[in-house]
Amino acid sequence: GVNYTVLQPGAISALHHAHTVQDEFIYVLEGELTLHSGSSSLKLTAGMCAGFPAGGTAHHLENQGTAPAAYLEIGDRSAGDHVTYPNDDLIAVRTGDTWTFTHRDGTPY
């Protein structure tokens, strides 16, 4: 699906994460966003895009500016997807339409 998202100044899109099954793609419509990918950062402005293949580098977006930024987020919410959060004690697993959240050691939240 496609989500239209507006990030307010100081907001992040999500915790730093990577998907095992789902590819993601974003397209910036207006404003300026900072893409954090692995340990690198890159400014994205209107008309720029970024893709995140399944099994790729952890990433998230941040609005470090003073105005809202809008972008399209495209992905398919794949069944069987595992989402890892390298900076947090969190793993998410999608089974059918349900997400299950656990600590890295497998204990449930």
PDB file of N, CA and C in Angstrom:
ATOM      1  N   GLY A   1       0.811  -1.179   0.000  1.00  0.00           N
ATOM      2  CA  GLY A   1       0.000   0.000   0.000  1.00  0.00           C
ATOM      3  C   GLY A   1       0.859   1.249   0.000  1.00  0.00           C
ATOM      4  N   VAL A   2       0.168   2.361  -0.085  1.00  0.00           N
ATOM      5  CA  VAL A   2       0.813   3.673  -0.102  1.00  0.00           C
ATOM      6  C   VAL A   2       0.260   4.503   1.043  1.00  0.00           C
ATOM      7  N   ASN A   3       1.144   5.108   1.817  1.00  0.00           N
ATOM      8  CA  ASN A   3       0.746   6.009   2.900  1.00  0.00           C
ATOM      9  C   ASN A   3       1.265   7.404   2.613  1.00  0.00           C
ATOM     10  N   TYR A   4       0.388   8.401   2.783  1.00  0.00           N
ATOM     11  CA  TYR A   4       0.785   9.805   2.740  1.00  0.00           C
ATOM     12  C   TYR A   4       1.106  10.191   4.173  1.00  0.00           C
ATOM     13  N   THR A   5       2.328  10.635   4.416  1.00  0.00           N
ATOM     14  CA  THR A   5       2.769  10.930   5.776  1.00  0.00           C
ATOM     15  C   THR A   5       3.324  12.345   5.856  1.00  0.00           C
ATOM     16  N   VAL A   6       2.952  13.055   6.917  1.00  0.00           N
ATOM     17  CA  VAL A   6       3.516  14.373   7.200  1.00  0.00           C
ATOM     18  C   VAL A   6       4.277  14.274   8.516  1.00  0.00           C
ATOM     19  N   LEU A   7       5.556  14.623   8.472  1.00  0.00           N
ATOM     20  CA  LEU A   7       6.374  14.648   9.689  1.00  0.00           C
ATOM     21  C   LEU A   7       6.525  16.096  10.138  1.00  0.00           C
ATOM     22  N   GLN A   8       6.152  16.345  11.359  1.00  0.00           N
ATOM     23  CA  GLN A   8       6.306  17.676  11.938  1.00  0.00           C
ATOM     24  C   GLN A   8       7.773  17.885  12.328  1.00  0.00           C
ATOM     25  N   PRO A   9       8.208  19.130  12.467  1.00  0.00           N
ATOM     26  CA  PRO A   9       9.587  19.385  12.891  1.00  0.00           C
ATOM     27  C   PRO A   9       9.916  18.633  14.185  1.00  0.00           C
ATOM     28  N   GLY A  10      11.070  17.982  14.186  1.00  0.00           N
ATOM     29  CA  GLY A  10      11.520  17.222  15.351  1.00  0.00           C
ATOM     30  C   GLY A  10      11.025  15.790  15.402  1.00  0.00           C
ATOM     31  N   ALA A  11      10.115  15.411  14.497  1.00  0.00           N
ATOM     32  CA  ALA A  11       9.533  14.059  14.515  1.00  0.00           C
ATOM     33  C   ALA A  11      10.383  13.080  13.705  1.00  0.00           C
ATOM     34  N   ILE A  12      10.236  11.782  14.042  1.00  0.00           N
ATOM     35  CA  ILE A  12      10.853  10.713  13.257  1.00  0.00           C
ATOM     36  C   ILE A  12       9.752   9.833  12.679  1.00  0.00           C
ATOM     37  N   SER A  13      10.078   9.136  11.592  1.00  0.00           N
ATOM     38  CA  SER A  13       9.100   8.277  10.922  1.00  0.00           C
ATOM     39  C   SER A  13       8.846   6.993  11.695  1.00  0.00           C
ATOM     40  N   ALA A  14       9.866   6.480  12.336  1.00  0.00           N
ATOM     41  CA  ALA A  14       9.799   5.201  13.055  1.00  0.00           C
ATOM     42  C   ALA A  14      11.109   5.033  13.807  1.00  0.00           C
ATOM     43  N   LEU A  15      11.164   4.043  14.671  1.00  0.00           N
ATOM     44  CA  LEU A  15      12.449   3.670  15.249  1.00  0.00           C
ATOM     45  C   LEU A  15      13.347   3.159  14.125  1.00  0.00           C
ATOM     46  N   HIS A  16      14.647   3.263  14.295  1.00  0.00           N
ATOM     47  CA  HIS A  16      15.626   2.761  13.325  1.00  0.00           C
ATOM     48  C   HIS A  16      15.360   1.268  13.132  1.00  0.00           C
ATOM     49  N   HIS A  17      15.043   0.830  11.896  1.00  0.00           N
ATOM     50  CA  HIS A  17      14.571  -0.538  11.686  1.00  0.00           C
ATOM     51  C   HIS A  17      14.946  -1.068  10.306  1.00  0.00           C
ATOM     52  N   ALA A  18      14.830  -2.391  10.162  1.00  0.00           N
ATOM     53  CA  ALA A  18      15.014  -3.065   8.877  1.00  0.00           C
ATOM     54  C   ALA A  18      14.025  -4.214   8.789  1.00  0.00           C
ATOM     55  N   HIS A  19      13.513  -4.453   7.580  1.00  0.00           N
ATOM     56  CA  HIS A  19      12.557  -5.536   7.327  1.00  0.00           C
ATOM     57  C   HIS A  19      13.276  -6.729   6.701  1.00  0.00           C
ATOM     58  N   THR A  20      12.820  -7.938   7.023  1.00  0.00           N
ATOM     59  CA  THR A  20      13.412  -9.137   6.427  1.00  0.00           C
ATOM     60  C   THR A  20      12.727  -9.540   5.129  1.00  0.00           C
ATOM     61  N   VAL A  21      11.449  -9.182   4.955  1.00  0.00           N
ATOM     62  CA  VAL A  21      10.681  -9.621   3.789  1.00  0.00           C
ATOM     63  C   VAL A  21      10.201  -8.446   2.935  1.00  0.00           C
ATOM     64  N   GLN A  22       9.815  -7.359   3.551  1.00  0.00           N
ATOM     65  CA  GLN A  22       9.184  -6.249   2.837  1.00  0.00           C
ATOM     66  C   GLN A  22      10.195  -5.247   2.302  1.00  0.00           C
ATOM     67  N   ASP A  23      10.071  -4.911   1.014  1.00  0.00           N
ATOM     68  CA  ASP A  23      10.787  -3.779   0.444  1.00  0.00           C
ATOM     69  C   ASP A  23      10.011  -2.512   0.799  1.00  0.00           C
ATOM     70  N   GLU A  24      10.713  -1.402   0.942  1.00  0.00           N
ATOM     71  CA  GLU A  24      10.070  -0.110   1.186  1.00  0.00           C
ATOM     72  C   GLU A  24      10.626   0.917   0.201  1.00  0.00           C
ATOM     73  N   PHE A  25       9.807   1.934  -0.073  1.00  0.00           N
ATOM     74  CA  PHE A  25      10.196   3.020  -0.964  1.00  0.00           C
ATOM     75  C   PHE A  25       9.556   4.294  -0.440  1.00  0.00           C
ATOM     76  N   ILE A  26      10.298   5.395  -0.438  1.00  0.00           N
ATOM     77  CA  ILE A  26       9.710   6.677  -0.053  1.00  0.00           C
ATOM     78  C   ILE A  26      10.004   7.712  -1.138  1.00  0.00           C
ATOM     79  N   TYR A  27       9.054   8.654  -1.292  1.00  0.00           N
ATOM     80  CA  TYR A  27       9.181   9.755  -2.245  1.00  0.00           C
ATOM     81  C   TYR A  27       8.807  11.037  -1.511  1.00  0.00           C
ATOM     82  N   VAL A  28       9.729  11.995  -1.452  1.00  0.00           N
ATOM     83  CA  VAL A  28       9.498  13.244  -0.724  1.00  0.00           C
ATOM     84  C   VAL A  28       8.676  14.195  -1.594  1.00  0.00           C
ATOM     85  N   LEU A  29       7.548  14.656  -1.038  1.00  0.00           N
ATOM     86  CA  LEU A  29       6.657  15.573  -1.747  1.00  0.00           C
ATOM     87  C   LEU A  29       6.971  17.033  -1.444  1.00  0.00           C
ATOM     88  N   GLU A  30       7.229  17.342  -0.187  1.00  0.00           N
ATOM     89  CA  GLU A  30       7.562  18.721   0.190  1.00  0.00           C
ATOM     90  C   GLU A  30       8.352  18.733   1.486  1.00  0.00           C
ATOM     91  N   GLY A  31       9.132  19.795   1.652  1.00  0.00           N
ATOM     92  CA  GLY A  31       9.942  19.921   2.854  1.00  0.00           C
ATOM     93  C   GLY A  31      11.278  19.213   2.708  1.00  0.00           C
ATOM     94  N   GLU A  32      11.928  19.032   3.841  1.00  0.00           N
ATOM     95  CA  GLU A  32      13.247  18.402   3.877  1.00  0.00           C
ATOM     96  C   GLU A  32      13.281  17.361   4.984  1.00  0.00           C
ATOM     97  N   LEU A  33      13.788  16.192   4.653  1.00  0.00           N
ATOM     98  CA  LEU A  33      13.913  15.099   5.616  1.00  0.00           C
ATOM     99  C   LEU A  33      15.364  14.640   5.671  1.00  0.00           C
ATOM    100  N   THR A  34      15.758  14.119   6.800  1.00  0.00           N
ATOM    101  CA  THR A  34      17.068  13.489   6.928  1.00  0.00           C
ATOM    102  C   THR A  34      16.853  11.988   6.972  1.00  0.00           C
ATOM    103  N   LEU A  35      17.468  11.284   6.034  1.00  0.00           N
ATOM    104  CA  LEU A  35      17.427   9.827   6.006  1.00  0.00           C
ATOM    105  C   LEU A  35      18.620   9.318   6.801  1.00  0.00           C
ATOM    106  N   HIS A  36      18.345   8.556   7.841  1.00  0.00           N
ATOM    107  CA  HIS A  36      19.388   7.878   8.603  1.00  0.00           C
ATOM    108  C   HIS A  36      19.385   6.422   8.130  1.00  0.00           C
ATOM    109  N   SER A  37      20.471   5.989   7.528  1.00  0.00           N
ATOM    110  CA  SER A  37      20.582   4.636   6.983  1.00  0.00           C
ATOM    111  C   SER A  37      21.892   4.046   7.483  1.00  0.00           C
ATOM    112  N   GLY A  38      21.783   2.989   8.308  1.00  0.00           N
ATOM    113  CA  GLY A  38      22.982   2.477   8.955  1.00  0.00           C
ATOM    114  C   GLY A  38      23.539   3.562   9.849  1.00  0.00           C
ATOM    115  N   SER A  39      24.799   3.918   9.656  1.00  0.00           N
ATOM    116  CA  SER A  39      25.404   4.988  10.455  1.00  0.00           C
ATOM    117  C   SER A  39      25.568   6.277   9.643  1.00  0.00           C
ATOM    118  N   SER A  40      24.977   6.323   8.440  1.00  0.00           N
ATOM    119  CA  SER A  40      25.080   7.500   7.572  1.00  0.00           C
ATOM    120  C   SER A  40      23.791   8.305   7.586  1.00  0.00           C
ATOM    121  N   SER A  41      23.903   9.585   7.235  1.00  0.00           N
ATOM    122  CA  SER A  41      22.739  10.459   7.122  1.00  0.00           C
ATOM    123  C   SER A  41      22.808  11.206   5.800  1.00  0.00           C
ATOM    124  N   LEU A  42      21.625  11.479   5.211  1.00  0.00           N
ATOM    125  CA  LEU A  42      21.533  12.148   3.918  1.00  0.00           C
ATOM    126  C   LEU A  42      20.289  13.015   3.913  1.00  0.00           C
ATOM    127  N   LYS A  43      20.419  14.263   3.450  1.00  0.00           N
ATOM    128  CA  LYS A  43      19.272  15.161   3.320  1.00  0.00           C
ATOM    129  C   LYS A  43      18.487  14.796   2.066  1.00  0.00           C
ATOM    130  N   LEU A  44      17.170  14.700   2.202  1.00  0.00           N
ATOM    131  CA  LEU A  44      16.274  14.460   1.076  1.00  0.00           C
ATOM    132  C   LEU A  44      15.317  15.637   0.970  1.00  0.00           C
ATOM    133  N   THR A  45      15.114  16.151  -0.243  1.00  0.00           N
ATOM    134  CA  THR A  45      14.196  17.256  -0.474  1.00  0.00           C
ATOM    135  C   THR A  45      13.152  16.840  -1.505  1.00  0.00           C
ATOM    136  N   ALA A  46      12.172  17.708  -1.733  1.00  0.00           N
ATOM    137  CA  ALA A  46      11.075  17.407  -2.656  1.00  0.00           C
ATOM    138  C   ALA A  46      11.602  16.876  -3.990  1.00  0.00           C
ATOM    139  N   GLY A  47      11.003  15.777  -4.437  1.00  0.00           N
ATOM    140  CA  GLY A  47      11.387  15.142  -5.689  1.00  0.00           C
ATOM    141  C   GLY A  47      12.416  14.033  -5.534  1.00  0.00           C
ATOM    142  N   MET A  48      12.993  13.904  -4.353  1.00  0.00           N
ATOM    143  CA  MET A  48      13.979  12.847  -4.121  1.00  0.00           C
ATOM    144  C   MET A  48      13.289  11.605  -3.568  1.00  0.00           C
ATOM    145  N   CYS A  49      13.920  10.454  -3.772  1.00  0.00           N
ATOM    146  CA  CYS A  49      13.346   9.197  -3.294  1.00  0.00           C
ATOM    147  C   CYS A  49      14.449   8.309  -2.736  1.00  0.00           C
ATOM    148  N   ALA A  50      14.014   7.273  -2.027  1.00  0.00           N
ATOM    149  CA  ALA A  50      14.948   6.285  -1.486  1.00  0.00           C
ATOM    150  C   ALA A  50      14.238   4.945  -1.412  1.00  0.00           C
ATOM    151  N   GLY A  51      14.969   3.885  -1.655  1.00  0.00           N
ATOM    152  CA  GLY A  51      14.427   2.537  -1.565  1.00  0.00           C
ATOM    153  C   GLY A  51      15.185   1.728  -0.537  1.00  0.00           C
ATOM    154  N   PHE A  52      14.458   0.822   0.096  1.00  0.00           N
ATOM    155  CA  PHE A  52      15.025  -0.001   1.159  1.00  0.00           C
ATOM    156  C   PHE A  52      14.667  -1.460   0.884  1.00  0.00           C
ATOM    157  N   PRO A  53      15.586  -2.231   0.311  1.00  0.00           N
ATOM    158  CA  PRO A  53      15.277  -3.629   0.008  1.00  0.00           C
ATOM    159  C   PRO A  53      15.173  -4.476   1.273  1.00  0.00           C
ATOM    160  N   ALA A  54      14.338  -5.484   1.207  1.00  0.00           N
ATOM    161  CA  ALA A  54      14.217  -6.437   2.316  1.00  0.00           C
ATOM    162  C   ALA A  54      15.601  -6.991   2.640  1.00  0.00           C
ATOM    163  N   GLY A  55      15.874  -7.121   3.939  1.00  0.00           N
ATOM    164  CA  GLY A  55      17.171  -7.625   4.365  1.00  0.00           C
ATOM    165  C   GLY A  55      18.278  -6.591   4.314  1.00  0.00           C
ATOM    166  N   GLY A  56      17.911  -5.342   4.008  1.00  0.00           N
ATOM    167  CA  GLY A  56      18.905  -4.283   3.863  1.00  0.00           C
ATOM    168  C   GLY A  56      19.255  -3.599   5.172  1.00  0.00           C
ATOM    169  N   THR A  57      19.813  -2.437   5.039  1.00  0.00           N
ATOM    170  CA  THR A  57      20.306  -1.645   6.161  1.00  0.00           C
ATOM    171  C   THR A  57      19.157  -1.005   6.938  1.00  0.00           C
ATOM    172  N   ALA A  58      19.293  -0.952   8.253  1.00  0.00           N
ATOM    173  CA  ALA A  58      18.293  -0.284   9.094  1.00  0.00           C
ATOM    174  C   ALA A  58      18.246   1.202   8.746  1.00  0.00           C
ATOM    175  N   HIS A  59      17.057   1.790   8.887  1.00  0.00           N
ATOM    176  CA  HIS A  59      16.845   3.160   8.442  1.00  0.00           C
ATOM    177  C   HIS A  59      15.667   3.812   9.170  1.00  0.00           C
ATOM    178  N   HIS A  60      15.600   5.123   9.107  1.00  0.00           N
ATOM    179  CA  HIS A  60      14.423   5.900   9.497  1.00  0.00           C
ATOM    180  C   HIS A  60      14.602   7.320   8.978  1.00  0.00           C
ATOM    181  N   LEU A  61      13.507   8.068   8.950  1.00  0.00           N
ATOM    182  CA  LEU A  61      13.522   9.457   8.515  1.00  0.00           C
ATOM    183  C   LEU A  61      13.340  10.369   9.716  1.00  0.00           C
ATOM    184  N   GLU A  62      13.905  11.567   9.626  1.00  0.00           N
ATOM    185  CA  GLU A  62      13.755  12.557  10.690  1.00  0.00           C
ATOM    186  C   GLU A  62      13.551  13.928  10.058  1.00  0.00           C
ATOM    187  N   ASN A  63      12.641  14.710  10.615  1.00  0.00           N
ATOM    188  CA  ASN A  63      12.463  16.090  10.177  1.00  0.00           C
ATOM    189  C   ASN A  63      13.257  16.983  11.124  1.00  0.00           C
ATOM    190  N   GLN A  64      14.433  17.402  10.679  1.00  0.00           N
ATOM    191  CA  GLN A  64      15.296  18.273  11.479  1.00  0.00           C
ATOM    192  C   GLN A  64      15.058  19.748  11.162  1.00  0.00           C
ATOM    193  N   GLY A  65      14.096  20.013  10.274  1.00  0.00           N
ATOM    194  CA  GLY A  65      13.825  21.383   9.855  1.00  0.00           C
ATOM    195  C   GLY A  65      12.840  22.094  10.758  1.00  0.00           C
ATOM    196  N   THR A  66      12.353  23.235  10.272  1.00  0.00           N
ATOM    197  CA  THR A  66      11.409  24.056  11.030  1.00  0.00           C
ATOM    198  C   THR A  66      10.007  24.038  10.436  1.00  0.00           C
ATOM    199  N   ALA A  67       9.819  23.316   9.330  1.00  0.00           N
ATOM    200  CA  ALA A  67       8.512  23.228   8.675  1.00  0.00           C
ATOM    201  C   ALA A  67       8.136  21.756   8.494  1.00  0.00           C
ATOM    202  N   PRO A  68       6.836  21.461   8.396  1.00  0.00           N
ATOM    203  CA  PRO A  68       6.420  20.079   8.137  1.00  0.00           C
ATOM    204  C   PRO A  68       7.001  19.572   6.813  1.00  0.00           C
ATOM    205  N   ALA A  69       7.204  18.263   6.719  1.00  0.00           N
ATOM    206  CA  ALA A  69       7.675  17.617   5.496  1.00  0.00           C
ATOM    207  C   ALA A  69       6.714  16.479   5.158  1.00  0.00           C
ATOM    208  N   ALA A  70       6.358  16.359   3.886  1.00  0.00           N
ATOM    209  CA  ALA A  70       5.407  15.332   3.450  1.00  0.00           C
ATOM    210  C   ALA A  70       6.095  14.361   2.497  1.00  0.00           C
ATOM    211  N   TYR A  71       5.724  13.091   2.622  1.00  0.00           N
ATOM    212  CA  TYR A  71       6.289  12.079   1.732  1.00  0.00           C
ATOM    213  C   TYR A  71       5.308  10.927   1.554  1.00  0.00           C
ATOM    214  N   LEU A  72       5.525  10.160   0.493  1.00  0.00           N
ATOM    215  CA  LEU A  72       4.784   8.923   0.261  1.00  0.00           C
ATOM    216  C   LEU A  72       5.659   7.769   0.708  1.00  0.00           C
ATOM    217  N   GLU A  73       5.042   6.835   1.402  1.00  0.00           N
ATOM    218  CA  GLU A  73       5.722   5.639   1.904  1.00  0.00           C
ATOM    219  C   GLU A  73       5.037   4.442   1.250  1.00  0.00           C
ATOM    220  N   ILE A  74       5.802   3.626   0.536  1.00  0.00           N
ATOM    221  CA  ILE A  74       5.231   2.525  -0.224  1.00  0.00           C
ATOM    222  C   ILE A  74       5.828   1.208   0.253  1.00  0.00           C
ATOM    223  N   GLY A  75       4.954   0.249   0.575  1.00  0.00           N
ATOM    224  CA  GLY A  75       5.357  -1.079   1.018  1.00  0.00           C
ATOM    225  C   GLY A  75       4.143  -1.982   0.997  1.00  0.00           C
ATOM    226  N   ASP A  76       4.336  -3.275   1.184  1.00  0.00           N
ATOM    227  CA  ASP A  76       3.195  -4.193   1.051  1.00  0.00           C
ATOM    228  C   ASP A  76       2.783  -4.903   2.332  1.00  0.00           C
ATOM    229  N   ARG A  77       3.398  -4.610   3.469  1.00  0.00           N
ATOM    230  CA  ARG A  77       3.037  -5.250   4.741  1.00  0.00           C
ATOM    231  C   ARG A  77       3.044  -6.773   4.598  1.00  0.00           C
ATOM    232  N   SER A  78       4.133  -7.296   4.105  1.00  0.00           N
ATOM    233  CA  SER A  78       4.280  -8.720   3.795  1.00  0.00           C
ATOM    234  C   SER A  78       4.096  -9.618   5.009  1.00  0.00           C
ATOM    235  N   ALA A  79       3.297 -10.672   4.832  1.00  0.00           N
ATOM    236  CA  ALA A  79       3.161 -11.694   5.879  1.00  0.00           C
ATOM    237  C   ALA A  79       4.517 -12.359   6.074  1.00  0.00           C
ATOM    238  N   GLY A  80       4.824 -12.718   7.304  1.00  0.00           N
ATOM    239  CA  GLY A  80       6.095 -13.365   7.606  1.00  0.00           C
ATOM    240  C   GLY A  80       7.254 -12.405   7.776  1.00  0.00           C
ATOM    241  N   ASP A  81       6.979 -11.110   7.655  1.00  0.00           N
ATOM    242  CA  ASP A  81       8.036 -10.112   7.807  1.00  0.00           C
ATOM    243  C   ASP A  81       8.499 -10.047   9.260  1.00  0.00           C
ATOM    244  N   HIS A  82       9.786  -9.950   9.456  1.00  0.00           N
ATOM    245  CA  HIS A  82      10.382  -9.687  10.767  1.00  0.00           C
ATOM    246  C   HIS A  82      11.022  -8.308  10.676  1.00  0.00           C
ATOM    247  N   VAL A  83      10.780  -7.486  11.665  1.00  0.00           N
ATOM    248  CA  VAL A  83      11.384  -6.158  11.697  1.00  0.00           C
ATOM    249  C   VAL A  83      12.344  -6.111  12.873  1.00  0.00           C
ATOM    250  N   THR A  84      13.586  -5.792  12.581  1.00  0.00           N
ATOM    251  CA  THR A  84      14.590  -5.691  13.634  1.00  0.00           C
ATOM    252  C   THR A  84      14.872  -4.220  13.904  1.00  0.00           C
ATOM    253  N   TYR A  85      15.148  -3.921  15.158  1.00  0.00           N
ATOM    254  CA  TYR A  85      15.413  -2.560  15.619  1.00  0.00           C
ATOM    255  C   TYR A  85      16.776  -2.568  16.311  1.00  0.00           C
ATOM    256  N   PRO A  86      17.861  -2.303  15.561  1.00  0.00           N
ATOM    257  CA  PRO A  86      19.205  -2.473  16.117  1.00  0.00           C
ATOM    258  C   PRO A  86      19.538  -1.562  17.293  1.00  0.00           C
ATOM    259  N   ASN A  87      18.836  -0.452  17.442  1.00  0.00           N
ATOM    260  CA  ASN A  87      19.117   0.472  18.546  1.00  0.00           C
ATOM    261  C   ASN A  87      18.174   0.279  19.728  1.00  0.00           C
ATOM    262  N   ASP A  88      17.259  -0.678  19.627  1.00  0.00           N
ATOM    263  CA  ASP A  88      16.245  -0.897  20.660  1.00  0.00           C
ATOM    264  C   ASP A  88      16.076  -2.389  20.921  1.00  0.00           C
ATOM    265  N   ASP A  89      15.617  -2.733  22.108  1.00  0.00           N
ATOM    266  CA  ASP A  89      15.363  -4.127  22.492  1.00  0.00           C
ATOM    267  C   ASP A  89      13.978  -4.527  21.993  1.00  0.00           C
ATOM    268  N   LEU A  90      13.858  -4.677  20.666  1.00  0.00           N
ATOM    269  CA  LEU A  90      12.554  -4.901  20.050  1.00  0.00           C
ATOM    270  C   LEU A  90      12.698  -5.692  18.759  1.00  0.00           C
ATOM    271  N   ILE A  91      11.795  -6.658  18.577  1.00  0.00           N
ATOM    272  CA  ILE A  91      11.626  -7.383  17.319  1.00  0.00           C
ATOM    273  C   ILE A  91      10.130  -7.472  17.067  1.00  0.00           C
ATOM    274  N   ALA A  92       9.717  -7.218  15.829  1.00  0.00           N
ATOM    275  CA  ALA A  92       8.307  -7.326  15.447  1.00  0.00           C
ATOM    276  C   ALA A  92       8.179  -8.402  14.379  1.00  0.00           C
ATOM    277  N   VAL A  93       7.175  -9.268  14.517  1.00  0.00           N
ATOM    278  CA  VAL A  93       6.934 -10.348  13.554  1.00  0.00           C
ATOM    279  C   VAL A  93       5.495 -10.244  13.080  1.00  0.00           C
ATOM    280  N   ARG A  94       5.298 -10.256  11.759  1.00  0.00           N
ATOM    281  CA  ARG A  94       3.951 -10.192  11.183  1.00  0.00           C
ATOM    282  C   ARG A  94       3.512 -11.594  10.793  1.00  0.00           C
ATOM    283  N   THR A  95       2.395 -12.027  11.377  1.00  0.00           N
ATOM    284  CA  THR A  95       1.778 -13.309  11.044  1.00  0.00           C
ATOM    285  C   THR A  95       0.367 -12.998  10.567  1.00  0.00           C
ATOM    286  N   GLY A  96       0.113 -13.198   9.273  1.00  0.00           N
ATOM    287  CA  GLY A  96      -1.186 -12.801   8.728  1.00  0.00           C
ATOM    288  C   GLY A  96      -1.329 -11.296   8.849  1.00  0.00           C
ATOM    289  N   ASP A  97      -2.395 -10.857   9.515  1.00  0.00           N
ATOM    290  CA  ASP A  97      -2.628  -9.427   9.722  1.00  0.00           C
ATOM    291  C   ASP A  97      -2.222  -8.957  11.112  1.00  0.00           C
ATOM    292  N   THR A  98      -1.534  -9.798  11.872  1.00  0.00           N
ATOM    293  CA  THR A  98      -1.219  -9.501  13.269  1.00  0.00           C
ATOM    294  C   THR A  98       0.282  -9.328  13.479  1.00  0.00           C
ATOM    295  N   TRP A  99       0.636  -8.285  14.238  1.00  0.00           N
ATOM    296  CA  TRP A  99       2.022  -8.078  14.639  1.00  0.00           C
ATOM    297  C   TRP A  99       2.215  -8.589  16.056  1.00  0.00           C
ATOM    298  N   THR A 100       3.333  -9.268  16.298  1.00  0.00           N
ATOM    299  CA  THR A 100       3.732  -9.702  17.631  1.00  0.00           C
ATOM    300  C   THR A 100       5.050  -9.011  17.957  1.00  0.00           C
ATOM    301  N   PHE A 101       5.134  -8.442  19.165  1.00  0.00           N
ATOM    302  CA  PHE A 101       6.328  -7.700  19.573  1.00  0.00           C
ATOM    303  C   PHE A 101       7.009  -8.415  20.730  1.00  0.00           C
ATOM    304  N   THR A 102       8.318  -8.624  20.579  1.00  0.00           N
ATOM    305  CA  THR A 102       9.088  -9.290  21.628  1.00  0.00           C
ATOM    306  C   THR A 102      10.382  -8.523  21.883  1.00  0.00           C
ATOM    307  N   HIS A 103      11.004  -8.855  23.008  1.00  0.00           N
ATOM    308  CA  HIS A 103      12.364  -8.398  23.273  1.00  0.00           C
ATOM    309  C   HIS A 103      13.298  -9.208  22.370  1.00  0.00           C
ATOM    310  N   ARG A 104      14.528  -8.795  22.244  1.00  0.00           N
ATOM    311  CA  ARG A 104      15.496  -9.530  21.417  1.00  0.00           C
ATOM    312  C   ARG A 104      15.664 -10.972  21.867  1.00  0.00           C
ATOM    313  N   ASP A 105      15.497 -11.234  23.162  1.00  0.00           N
ATOM    314  CA  ASP A 105      15.649 -12.605  23.660  1.00  0.00           C
ATOM    315  C   ASP A 105      14.387 -13.442  23.458  1.00  0.00           C
ATOM    316  N   GLY A 106      13.355 -12.864  22.832  1.00  0.00           N
ATOM    317  CA  GLY A 106      12.132 -13.604  22.531  1.00  0.00           C
ATOM    318  C   GLY A 106      11.024 -13.472  23.555  1.00  0.00           C
ATOM    319  N   THR A 107      11.296 -12.865  24.708  1.00  0.00           N
ATOM    320  CA  THR A 107      10.229 -12.704  25.701  1.00  0.00           C
ATOM    321  C   THR A 107       9.256 -11.635  25.216  1.00  0.00           C
ATOM    322  N   PRO A 108       7.948 -11.879  25.393  1.00  0.00           N
ATOM    323  CA  PRO A 108       6.947 -10.936  24.877  1.00  0.00           C
ATOM    324  C   PRO A 108       6.894  -9.636  25.674  1.00  0.00           C
ATOM    325  N   TYR A 109       6.418  -8.599  25.024  1.00  0.00           N
ATOM    326  CA  TYR A 109       6.146  -7.326  25.706  1.00  0.00           C
ATOM    327  C   TYR A 109       4.807  -7.423  26.387  1.00  0.00           C
TER     328      TYR A 109
END
